[in-house]
């Protein structure tokens, strides 16, 4: 069984395999195997020895065409059409669900095999989905990047081209280093099978400064609490993230963070507890999207200083707006916290990582503090007088 992002492409492979069986060389090796006269279409054919081939498309989740059929060998080749589909969380979820429910259940047990071949578009693509849920270590991964990296499976030296005669090292480097041709982010996906450049697609995470008790300011100009909500609790859903941010001069400080996959009641409780522990922080930012409006309505009964945030730009655009602060070394994160490495990993993988909630919460807070510094400083001063530093 052959699966690709569209059935037409899968039929091309089916025609190629069928033509091999028609050929003289195959006939010499297996003289008793012929293509059956009553089933010989390129996309679905049978042999006279009970073998056969079936092609199907799975683009945007259309994998139900395989229902009712089975396979000893299932080949999934490029189930995603291109970057546009790979950037859609809805399309990726649809394809992943179809592969899981419609396609993989077609494999004969116990000796059936699956081969997946494809570009690594993002950490949430089908390959990432499969490997993340490979709790029994059933999959063998073979990665042959166009430019070799350390511990290359073919024994190449780092930087050596995979196929020098066809794609030379000079040509590959020109693609990687020139954004007008491809650029590092696209190159890592298409040619290296690594959907995030090592230093981060947008954020250069090594530029984050670290704070501890020896270098953190004794007073801040402004502070805020920022929350990014999820829609509902359940495995696989996005996280709710709550962060405490402060600003001193040109520098922004991430002071604390909590996150979890919570339902509405848990989100309300977590936010109230987080805010109650910091009564001197005047502004509490909540993005007014999905169930954010309902959360704002309910929180308004107990929490003062709520600021509804209505984004007019995409998550990527909002991240790009604060990227200069990161590159300039203006953002400090904790030197030690049990969640900080997870935060750095999400920033490194953004925007192709599986989760972006902490990044979205950070963008919201830093943008707000940068735009409202004077007003926030006045309120923070009054709150500090009332509650102490």
Protein backbone atom coordinates (compact mmCIF):
# COMPACT_ATOMS: atom_id res chain seq x y z
CA UNK A 1 0.00 0.00 0.00
CA UNK A 2 1.36 3.41 -1.04
CA UNK A 3 0.23 6.64 0.64
CA UNK A 4 1.18 10.17 -0.38
CA UNK A 5 -0.28 13.66 0.01
CA UNK A 6 -2.35 13.11 -3.14
CA UNK A 7 -3.44 9.92 -4.85
CA UNK A 8 -2.07 11.01 -8.23
CA UNK A 9 1.50 10.95 -6.91
CA UNK A 10 0.95 7.57 -5.26
CA UNK A 11 -0.35 6.21 -8.59
CA UNK A 12 2.91 7.27 -10.25
CA UNK A 13 4.81 4.99 -7.86
CA UNK A 14 2.25 2.24 -8.47
CA UNK A 15 2.77 2.51 -12.22
CA UNK A 16 6.55 2.31 -11.77
CA UNK A 17 6.31 -0.85 -9.66
CA UNK A 18 3.79 -2.41 -12.04
CA UNK A 19 6.10 -1.74 -14.99
CA UNK A 20 8.96 -3.47 -13.18
CA UNK A 21 6.80 -6.60 -12.90
CA UNK A 22 5.97 -6.33 -16.58
CA UNK A 23 9.67 -6.16 -17.42
CA UNK A 24 11.82 -8.99 -18.75
CA UNK A 25 14.30 -8.94 -15.85
CA UNK A 26 11.57 -9.46 -13.26
CA UNK A 27 10.02 -12.15 -15.49
CA UNK A 28 13.30 -14.03 -15.58
CA UNK A 29 13.54 -13.99 -11.78
CA UNK A 30 9.87 -14.73 -11.01
CA UNK A 31 8.37 -16.36 -14.12
CA UNK A 32 5.15 -17.41 -12.36
CA UNK A 33 4.25 -13.90 -11.16
CA UNK A 34 2.16 -11.83 -13.58
CA UNK A 35 -0.12 -8.81 -13.32
CA UNK A 36 -3.68 -10.05 -13.08
CA UNK A 37 -5.72 -9.27 -16.19
CA UNK A 38 -8.79 -8.21 -14.19
CA UNK A 39 -6.98 -5.70 -11.91
CA UNK A 40 -4.11 -3.85 -13.55
CA UNK A 41 -4.78 -0.11 -13.10
CA UNK A 42 -1.76 1.96 -12.07
CA UNK A 43 -3.29 2.85 -8.71
CA UNK A 44 -4.61 -0.61 -7.87
CA UNK A 45 -3.43 -3.87 -9.34
CA UNK A 46 -3.13 -7.52 -8.32
CA UNK A 47 -0.74 -10.32 -9.21
CA UNK A 48 -1.51 -13.89 -10.13
CA UNK A 49 0.13 -14.95 -6.84
CA UNK A 50 -2.22 -13.04 -4.51
CA UNK A 51 -0.02 -9.98 -4.31
CA UNK A 52 -1.22 -6.47 -5.03
CA UNK A 53 -0.77 -2.72 -4.83
CA UNK A 54 -3.09 0.06 -3.67
CA UNK A 55 -2.42 3.82 -3.84
CA UNK A 56 -4.23 6.50 -1.83
CA UNK A 57 -3.92 10.17 -0.99
CA UNK A 58 -3.92 11.49 2.54
CA UNK A 59 -3.53 15.23 1.96
CA UNK A 60 -5.62 17.22 4.45
CA UNK A 61 -6.71 14.00 6.12
CA UNK A 62 -8.33 12.29 3.11
CA UNK A 63 -7.09 8.83 4.07
CA UNK A 64 -10.41 7.00 4.25
CA UNK A 65 -9.85 5.52 0.75
CA UNK A 66 -7.78 2.72 2.29
CA UNK A 67 -10.60 1.51 4.54
CA UNK A 68 -11.39 -2.14 3.86
CA UNK A 69 -7.93 -2.97 2.52
CA UNK A 70 -4.85 -4.39 4.22
CA UNK A 71 -1.12 -4.46 3.53
CA UNK A 72 1.99 -6.40 4.46
CA UNK A 73 4.10 -3.36 3.50
CA UNK A 74 2.78 0.16 4.01
CA UNK A 75 4.81 3.03 2.50
CA UNK A 76 3.97 6.61 3.49
CA UNK A 77 5.81 9.08 1.26
CA UNK A 78 5.53 12.83 1.85
CA UNK A 79 2.01 13.03 3.33
CA UNK A 80 2.31 16.85 3.50
CA UNK A 81 2.03 18.82 0.28
CA UNK A 82 4.25 21.75 1.24
CA UNK A 83 5.13 24.54 3.65
CA UNK A 84 1.64 26.07 3.58
CA UNK A 85 -0.05 22.87 4.78
CA UNK A 86 2.80 22.20 7.22
CA UNK A 87 2.19 25.62 8.81
CA UNK A 88 -1.47 24.86 9.50
CA UNK A 89 -2.04 23.28 12.91
CA UNK A 90 -5.51 22.19 11.77
CA UNK A 91 -4.22 20.41 8.64
CA UNK A 92 -1.38 18.74 10.57
CA UNK A 93 -3.77 17.47 13.22
CA UNK A 94 -6.11 16.17 10.50
CA UNK A 95 -3.29 14.32 8.71
CA UNK A 96 -1.84 12.91 11.94
CA UNK A 97 -5.25 11.63 13.03
CA UNK A 98 -5.87 10.07 9.61
CA UNK A 99 -2.50 8.30 9.61
CA UNK A 100 -3.17 6.99 13.11
CA UNK A 101 -6.77 5.88 12.65
CA UNK A 102 -7.22 5.21 8.92
CA UNK A 103 -3.80 4.18 7.61
CA UNK A 104 -1.69 2.40 10.22
CA UNK A 105 -4.57 0.13 11.19
CA UNK A 106 -4.38 -1.36 7.67
CA UNK A 107 -1.07 -3.15 8.34
CA UNK A 108 -1.30 -6.93 8.72
CA UNK A 109 -0.16 -8.29 12.06
CA UNK A 110 2.14 -9.51 13.41
CA UNK A 111 4.72 -9.21 10.60
CA UNK A 112 3.56 -6.17 8.64
CA UNK A 113 6.01 -3.30 8.15
CA UNK A 114 5.72 0.46 7.71
CA UNK A 115 8.18 2.76 5.93
CA UNK A 116 7.74 6.51 6.34
CA UNK A 117 9.66 8.84 4.01
CA UNK A 118 9.24 12.58 4.19
CA UNK A 119 10.49 16.10 4.75
CA UNK A 120 10.64 17.18 8.39
CA UNK A 121 8.54 20.34 8.14
CA UNK A 122 7.98 20.87 11.85
CA UNK A 123 8.08 19.11 15.22
CA UNK A 124 4.32 18.57 14.91
CA UNK A 125 4.47 16.94 11.47
CA UNK A 126 3.54 13.23 11.07
CA UNK A 127 7.13 12.06 11.64
CA UNK A 128 7.33 14.12 14.82
CA UNK A 129 3.91 12.84 15.91
CA UNK A 130 4.94 9.23 15.30
CA UNK A 131 8.27 9.50 17.14
CA UNK A 132 6.81 11.43 20.07
CA UNK A 133 4.35 8.60 20.66
CA UNK A 134 6.82 5.76 20.00
CA UNK A 135 6.79 4.58 23.61
CA UNK A 136 7.83 1.04 22.63
CA UNK A 137 10.76 2.13 20.42
CA UNK A 138 9.35 0.36 17.37
CA UNK A 139 10.71 2.81 14.81
CA UNK A 140 14.20 2.93 13.31
CA UNK A 141 15.21 6.41 12.15
CA UNK A 142 17.57 6.86 9.20
CA UNK A 143 18.55 10.49 8.66
CA UNK A 144 20.92 11.39 5.82
CA UNK A 145 21.29 15.19 5.79
CA UNK A 146 22.51 16.87 2.63
CA UNK A 147 25.45 18.28 4.61
CA UNK A 148 26.89 15.82 7.10
CA UNK A 149 26.81 16.54 10.83
CA UNK A 150 28.62 14.85 13.71
CA UNK A 151 28.32 11.03 13.89
CA UNK A 152 27.12 10.75 10.30
CA UNK A 153 25.68 7.25 9.62
CA UNK A 154 27.66 7.06 6.38
CA UNK A 155 30.91 8.06 8.04
CA UNK A 156 31.13 11.42 6.24
CA UNK A 157 33.07 14.32 7.71
CA UNK A 158 30.95 17.22 9.04
CA UNK A 159 29.94 19.48 6.17
CA UNK A 160 30.53 16.88 3.46
CA UNK A 161 27.79 16.77 0.80
CA UNK A 162 25.62 13.68 0.47
CA UNK A 163 25.65 13.70 -3.38
CA UNK A 164 28.42 16.01 -4.51
CA UNK A 165 27.88 15.42 -8.24
CA UNK A 166 24.22 16.43 -8.08
CA UNK A 167 24.04 18.83 -5.11
CA UNK A 168 27.53 20.14 -4.43
CA UNK A 169 28.62 21.52 -1.06
CA UNK A 170 29.02 24.99 -2.63
CA UNK A 171 25.46 24.87 -4.00
CA UNK A 172 24.00 23.70 -0.68
CA UNK A 173 25.82 26.41 1.26
CA UNK A 174 24.50 29.04 -1.14
CA UNK A 175 20.96 27.84 -0.43
CA UNK A 176 21.49 27.86 3.32
CA UNK A 177 23.27 31.20 3.60
CA UNK A 178 21.17 33.25 1.19
CA UNK A 179 17.62 34.06 2.42
CA UNK A 180 16.71 35.11 -1.13
CA UNK A 181 17.27 31.51 -2.25
CA UNK A 182 16.15 29.52 0.79
CA UNK A 183 17.71 30.62 4.07
CA UNK A 184 18.73 28.62 7.17
CA UNK A 185 15.25 27.77 8.51
CA UNK A 186 13.92 26.33 5.25
CA UNK A 187 17.26 24.65 4.52
CA UNK A 188 17.23 22.79 7.83
CA UNK A 189 13.81 21.32 7.03
CA UNK A 190 14.22 20.54 3.34
CA UNK A 191 17.85 19.42 3.24
CA UNK A 192 18.91 18.51 6.79
CA UNK A 193 15.71 16.87 8.11
CA UNK A 194 15.85 19.14 11.12
CA UNK A 195 12.88 21.50 11.38
CA UNK A 196 14.61 24.04 13.62
CA UNK A 197 18.00 25.60 13.14
CA UNK A 198 20.17 24.90 16.14
CA UNK A 199 20.26 28.47 17.44
CA UNK A 200 16.52 28.95 16.98
CA UNK A 201 14.36 29.87 14.01
CA UNK A 202 13.50 33.34 15.33
CA UNK A 203 15.10 33.63 18.75
CA UNK A 204 18.84 33.23 19.24
CA UNK A 205 18.44 31.60 22.63
CA UNK A 206 22.10 32.05 23.54
CA UNK A 207 21.34 35.77 23.68
CA UNK A 208 19.09 35.35 26.72
CA UNK A 209 20.78 36.83 29.78
CA UNK A 210 20.57 35.00 33.11
CA UNK A 211 19.62 36.58 36.41
CA UNK A 212 20.22 35.36 39.95
CA UNK A 213 20.19 37.03 43.35
CA UNK A 214 23.55 38.71 42.64
CA UNK A 215 22.50 40.73 39.59
CA UNK A 216 18.74 41.22 39.80
CA UNK A 217 17.64 44.84 40.45
CA UNK A 218 16.37 45.71 43.91
CA UNK A 219 13.57 47.75 42.35
CA UNK A 220 11.73 47.64 39.03
CA UNK A 221 10.19 50.38 36.91
CA UNK A 222 7.16 48.27 35.97
CA UNK A 223 5.73 44.77 36.40
CA UNK A 224 2.92 42.69 34.92
CA UNK A 225 1.45 39.20 34.96
CA UNK A 226 0.71 37.63 31.58
CA UNK A 227 -1.46 34.59 30.78
CA UNK A 228 -2.00 32.57 27.61
CA UNK A 229 -5.02 30.26 27.96
CA UNK A 230 -5.80 26.93 26.33
CA UNK A 231 -9.21 25.87 25.08
CA UNK A 232 -9.82 22.75 27.13
CA UNK A 233 -8.06 20.18 29.24
CA UNK A 234 -6.98 16.92 27.66
CA UNK A 235 -3.96 15.08 26.31
CA UNK A 236 -2.42 16.87 23.36
CA UNK A 237 -4.04 20.23 24.04
CA UNK A 238 -2.04 23.42 24.35
CA UNK A 239 -0.80 24.63 27.71
CA UNK A 240 -2.03 27.46 29.85
CA UNK A 241 1.01 29.56 30.75
CA UNK A 242 1.20 32.27 33.43
CA UNK A 243 4.32 34.44 33.72
CA UNK A 244 5.50 37.26 35.98
CA UNK A 245 7.52 39.92 34.14
CA UNK A 246 9.31 43.07 35.28
CA UNK A 247 11.21 45.89 33.60
CA UNK A 248 14.16 47.93 34.84
CA UNK A 249 15.60 50.50 32.48
CA UNK A 250 16.18 48.78 29.15
CA UNK A 251 15.98 45.28 30.59
CA UNK A 252 13.09 42.84 30.90
CA UNK A 253 13.07 40.09 33.54
CA UNK A 254 11.08 36.85 33.49
CA UNK A 255 10.70 36.27 37.22
CA UNK A 256 8.44 33.23 37.40
CA UNK A 257 6.29 30.88 35.33
CA UNK A 258 3.71 28.13 35.80
CA UNK A 259 2.11 26.04 33.06
CA UNK A 260 -0.26 23.14 32.71
CA UNK A 261 -2.94 21.53 30.57
CA UNK A 262 -5.93 22.73 32.57
CA UNK A 263 -9.67 23.03 32.17
CA UNK A 264 -11.52 26.28 32.76
CA UNK A 265 -11.87 25.86 36.54
CA UNK A 266 -8.20 24.96 36.96
CA UNK A 267 -7.10 27.92 34.85
CA UNK A 268 -9.15 30.33 36.97
CA UNK A 269 -7.79 28.85 40.19
CA UNK A 270 -4.16 28.86 39.02
CA UNK A 271 -4.39 32.48 37.87
CA UNK A 272 -6.00 33.66 41.11
CA UNK A 273 -3.36 31.91 43.22
CA UNK A 274 -0.56 33.33 41.06
CA UNK A 275 -1.95 36.88 41.31
CA UNK A 276 -2.78 36.65 45.03
CA UNK A 277 0.86 35.77 45.71
CA UNK A 278 1.91 39.04 44.00
CA UNK A 279 -0.54 41.73 45.14
CA UNK A 280 1.92 44.51 44.21
CA UNK A 281 1.74 43.68 40.48
CA UNK A 282 -0.88 46.03 39.00
CA UNK A 283 -1.56 44.73 35.47
CA UNK A 284 -2.75 41.24 34.62
CA UNK A 285 -2.75 40.55 30.88
CA UNK A 286 -5.12 37.95 29.42
CA UNK A 287 -5.43 37.38 25.69
CA UNK A 288 -9.07 37.75 24.70
CA UNK A 289 -9.38 34.83 22.30
CA UNK A 290 -11.08 31.42 22.33
CA UNK A 291 -12.23 31.08 25.94
CA UNK A 292 -10.19 34.10 27.08
CA UNK A 293 -13.30 36.30 27.05
CA UNK A 294 -15.16 33.97 29.39
CA UNK A 295 -12.11 33.70 31.67
CA UNK A 296 -11.88 37.51 31.82
CA UNK A 297 -15.56 37.76 32.78
CA UNK A 298 -15.19 35.28 35.61
CA UNK A 299 -11.85 36.57 36.85
CA UNK A 300 -13.22 40.10 37.01
CA UNK A 301 -15.15 39.14 40.15
CA UNK A 302 -11.98 38.42 42.13
CA UNK A 303 -8.93 39.88 40.34
CA UNK A 304 -8.33 43.60 39.83
CA UNK A 305 -6.21 45.16 37.10
CA UNK A 306 -7.24 42.79 34.32
CA UNK A 307 -6.12 43.96 30.87
CA UNK A 308 -7.76 42.20 27.90
CA UNK A 309 -5.31 41.80 25.02
CA UNK A 310 -6.81 41.56 21.54
CA UNK A 311 -4.01 40.55 19.11
CA UNK A 312 -4.14 41.97 15.59
CA UNK A 313 -1.08 40.09 14.33
CA UNK A 314 -0.05 36.44 14.15
CA UNK A 315 2.01 34.71 16.83
CA UNK A 316 5.06 34.87 14.56
CA UNK A 317 4.66 38.60 13.92
CA UNK A 318 4.32 39.24 17.65
CA UNK A 319 7.44 37.19 18.33
CA UNK A 320 9.37 39.05 15.64
CA UNK A 321 8.39 42.34 17.33
CA UNK A 322 10.28 41.39 20.50
CA UNK A 323 13.13 39.49 18.82
CA UNK A 324 15.37 42.62 18.79
CA UNK A 325 15.15 42.72 22.60
CA UNK A 326 16.42 39.13 22.73
CA UNK A 327 19.21 39.71 20.20
CA UNK A 328 20.33 42.83 22.05
CA UNK A 329 20.60 40.92 25.34
CA UNK A 330 17.79 42.92 26.95
CA UNK A 331 15.83 39.92 28.23
CA UNK A 332 16.83 38.09 31.40
CA UNK A 333 15.56 34.64 32.39
CA UNK A 334 16.32 32.74 35.62
CA UNK A 335 19.73 31.17 35.95
CA UNK A 336 18.10 28.34 37.87
CA UNK A 337 14.45 27.24 37.71
CA UNK A 338 12.94 23.82 37.15
CA UNK A 339 11.05 25.13 34.12
CA UNK A 340 13.70 27.28 32.44
CA UNK A 341 15.18 24.63 30.13
CA UNK A 342 11.71 23.79 28.86
CA UNK A 343 11.17 27.51 28.22
CA UNK A 344 14.44 27.75 26.25
CA UNK A 345 13.56 24.66 24.19
CA UNK A 346 10.21 26.15 23.20
CA UNK A 347 11.90 29.41 22.20
CA UNK A 348 14.53 27.49 20.23
CA UNK A 349 11.91 25.53 18.29
CA UNK A 350 9.48 28.40 17.69
CA UNK A 351 7.64 28.73 15.32
CA UNK A 352 7.90 25.10 14.15
CA UNK A 353 7.75 23.48 17.59
CA UNK A 354 4.76 21.59 18.93
CA UNK A 355 3.97 24.27 21.52
CA UNK A 356 4.21 28.07 21.46
CA UNK A 357 2.31 29.06 24.59
CA UNK A 358 5.27 30.32 26.64
CA UNK A 359 6.55 32.33 23.67
CA UNK A 360 3.12 33.88 23.15
CA UNK A 361 2.89 34.78 26.83
CA UNK A 362 6.35 36.36 26.70
CA UNK A 363 5.56 38.38 23.56
CA UNK A 364 2.40 39.68 25.19
CA UNK A 365 4.18 40.79 28.37
CA UNK A 366 7.29 42.32 26.81
CA UNK A 367 5.27 44.24 24.21
CA UNK A 368 2.97 45.60 26.91
CA UNK A 369 5.78 46.65 29.24
CA UNK A 370 7.69 48.30 26.39
CA UNK A 371 4.67 50.37 25.35
CA UNK A 372 3.31 51.24 28.77
CA UNK A 373 6.44 51.78 30.85
CA UNK A 374 5.69 55.23 32.30
CA UNK A 375 2.10 54.49 33.24
CA UNK A 376 3.12 51.14 34.70
CA UNK A 377 5.95 52.76 36.65
CA UNK A 378 3.57 55.19 38.33
CA UNK A 379 1.13 52.43 39.33
CA UNK A 380 3.90 50.09 40.45
CA UNK A 381 5.35 52.82 42.65
CA UNK A 382 1.99 53.30 44.37
CA UNK A 383 1.49 49.54 44.79
CA UNK A 384 4.98 49.14 46.22
CA UNK A 385 4.23 51.86 48.76
CA UNK A 386 1.10 49.94 49.81
CA UNK A 387 2.52 46.41 49.85
CA UNK A 388 6.27 46.92 50.18
CA UNK A 389 8.99 45.88 47.76
